[in-house]
């Protein structure tokens, strides 16, 4: 499993960083919107690690919860 984080931005109205994490597993890409609460001066390494943990939890959902096209 590999992860790629895209478009991290800070939302001052919710005091959280928001972004999209792409999880690549078994040749398929799954996209997860992630939000990490924290101050504007939170270290970016902490933001990225929190987003990756959040996406990993969502990605580990049982297959019957997946959406298919």
C-alpha atoms as a PDB file:
ATOM      1  CA  UNK A   1       0.000   0.000   0.000  1.00  0.00           C
ATOM      2  CA  UNK A   2       1.326   3.428  -0.940  1.00  0.00           C
ATOM      3  CA  UNK A   3      -0.120   6.849  -0.163  1.00  0.00           C
ATOM      4  CA  UNK A   4       0.007  10.232  -1.821  1.00  0.00           C
ATOM      5  CA  UNK A   5      -1.290  13.422  -0.186  1.00  0.00           C
ATOM      6  CA  UNK A   6      -2.735  16.161  -2.387  1.00  0.00           C
ATOM      7  CA  UNK A   7      -3.956  19.729  -1.868  1.00  0.00           C
ATOM      8  CA  UNK A   8      -3.345  20.352   1.815  1.00  0.00           C
ATOM      9  CA  UNK A   9      -4.924  23.611   2.950  1.00  0.00           C
ATOM     10  CA  UNK A  10      -5.818  25.185   6.281  1.00  0.00           C
ATOM     11  CA  UNK A  11      -9.461  25.981   7.036  1.00  0.00           C
ATOM     12  CA  UNK A  12      -9.529  28.703   9.706  1.00  0.00           C
ATOM     13  CA  UNK A  13     -13.284  28.357  10.297  1.00  0.00           C
ATOM     14  CA  UNK A  14     -12.805  24.768  11.519  1.00  0.00           C
ATOM     15  CA  UNK A  15      -9.198  25.184  12.744  1.00  0.00           C
ATOM     16  CA  UNK A  16      -8.187  22.132  10.725  1.00  0.00           C
ATOM     17  CA  UNK A  17      -6.011  21.106   7.812  1.00  0.00           C
ATOM     18  CA  UNK A  18      -7.892  19.495   4.932  1.00  0.00           C
ATOM     19  CA  UNK A  19      -6.640  17.457   2.029  1.00  0.00           C
ATOM     20  CA  UNK A  20      -7.046  14.409  -0.160  1.00  0.00           C
ATOM     21  CA  UNK A  21      -5.113  11.214   0.381  1.00  0.00           C
ATOM     22  CA  UNK A  22      -4.800   8.703  -2.463  1.00  0.00           C
ATOM     23  CA  UNK A  23      -4.252   5.143  -1.263  1.00  0.00           C
ATOM     24  CA  UNK A  24      -2.939   2.748  -3.909  1.00  0.00           C
ATOM     25  CA  UNK A  25      -3.597  -0.871  -3.064  1.00  0.00           C
ATOM     26  CA  UNK A  26      -3.637  -3.848  -5.387  1.00  0.00           C
ATOM     27  CA  UNK A  27      -3.358  -1.644  -8.466  1.00  0.00           C
ATOM     28  CA  UNK A  28      -6.427   0.410  -7.519  1.00  0.00           C
ATOM     29  CA  UNK A  29      -6.504   3.989  -6.250  1.00  0.00           C
ATOM     30  CA  UNK A  30      -8.885   4.932  -3.452  1.00  0.00           C
ATOM     31  CA  UNK A  31      -9.333   8.621  -2.567  1.00  0.00           C
ATOM     32  CA  UNK A  32     -10.153   9.818   0.915  1.00  0.00           C
ATOM     33  CA  UNK A  33     -10.894  13.360   2.108  1.00  0.00           C
ATOM     34  CA  UNK A  34      -9.095  13.943   5.400  1.00  0.00           C
ATOM     35  CA  UNK A  35      -9.324  16.640   8.044  1.00  0.00           C
ATOM     36  CA  UNK A  36      -6.782  17.119  10.829  1.00  0.00           C
ATOM     37  CA  UNK A  37      -7.619  19.525  13.659  1.00  0.00           C
ATOM     38  CA  UNK A  38      -4.736  21.701  14.766  1.00  0.00           C
ATOM     39  CA  UNK A  39      -3.287  25.193  14.948  1.00  0.00           C
ATOM     40  CA  UNK A  40      -2.055  27.065  11.895  1.00  0.00           C
ATOM     41  CA  UNK A  41       1.559  26.599  13.039  1.00  0.00           C
ATOM     42  CA  UNK A  42       1.286  22.805  13.388  1.00  0.00           C
ATOM     43  CA  UNK A  43       4.362  21.127  11.837  1.00  0.00           C
ATOM     44  CA  UNK A  44       3.550  19.887   8.328  1.00  0.00           C
ATOM     45  CA  UNK A  45       5.147  16.499   9.099  1.00  0.00           C
ATOM     46  CA  UNK A  46       2.570  16.027  11.882  1.00  0.00           C
ATOM     47  CA  UNK A  47      -0.256  17.044   9.542  1.00  0.00           C
ATOM     48  CA  UNK A  48       0.877  14.545   6.885  1.00  0.00           C
ATOM     49  CA  UNK A  49       1.284  11.691   9.388  1.00  0.00           C
ATOM     50  CA  UNK A  50      -2.189  12.338  10.829  1.00  0.00           C
ATOM     51  CA  UNK A  51      -3.739  12.406   7.353  1.00  0.00           C
ATOM     52  CA  UNK A  52      -2.016   9.138   6.433  1.00  0.00           C
ATOM     53  CA  UNK A  53      -3.259   7.452   9.630  1.00  0.00           C
ATOM     54  CA  UNK A  54      -6.793   8.680   8.966  1.00  0.00           C
ATOM     55  CA  UNK A  55      -6.761   7.450   5.353  1.00  0.00           C
ATOM     56  CA  UNK A  56      -5.310   4.084   6.415  1.00  0.00           C
ATOM     57  CA  UNK A  57      -8.176   3.615   8.894  1.00  0.00           C
ATOM     58  CA  UNK A  58     -10.741   4.450   6.208  1.00  0.00           C
ATOM     59  CA  UNK A  59      -8.980   2.219   3.680  1.00  0.00           C
ATOM     60  CA  UNK A  60      -9.121  -0.754   6.024  1.00  0.00           C
ATOM     61  CA  UNK A  61     -12.928  -0.780   5.887  1.00  0.00           C
ATOM     62  CA  UNK A  62     -14.533  -4.121   5.047  1.00  0.00           C
ATOM     63  CA  UNK A  63     -14.979  -4.667   1.264  1.00  0.00           C
ATOM     64  CA  UNK A  64     -18.778  -4.695   1.528  1.00  0.00           C
ATOM     65  CA  UNK A  65     -18.614  -0.973   2.372  1.00  0.00           C
ATOM     66  CA  UNK A  66     -16.747  -0.056  -0.841  1.00  0.00           C
ATOM     67  CA  UNK A  67     -18.433   1.851  -3.631  1.00  0.00           C
ATOM     68  CA  UNK A  68     -18.034   0.346  -7.115  1.00  0.00           C
ATOM     69  CA  UNK A  69     -18.694   1.874 -10.523  1.00  0.00           C
END
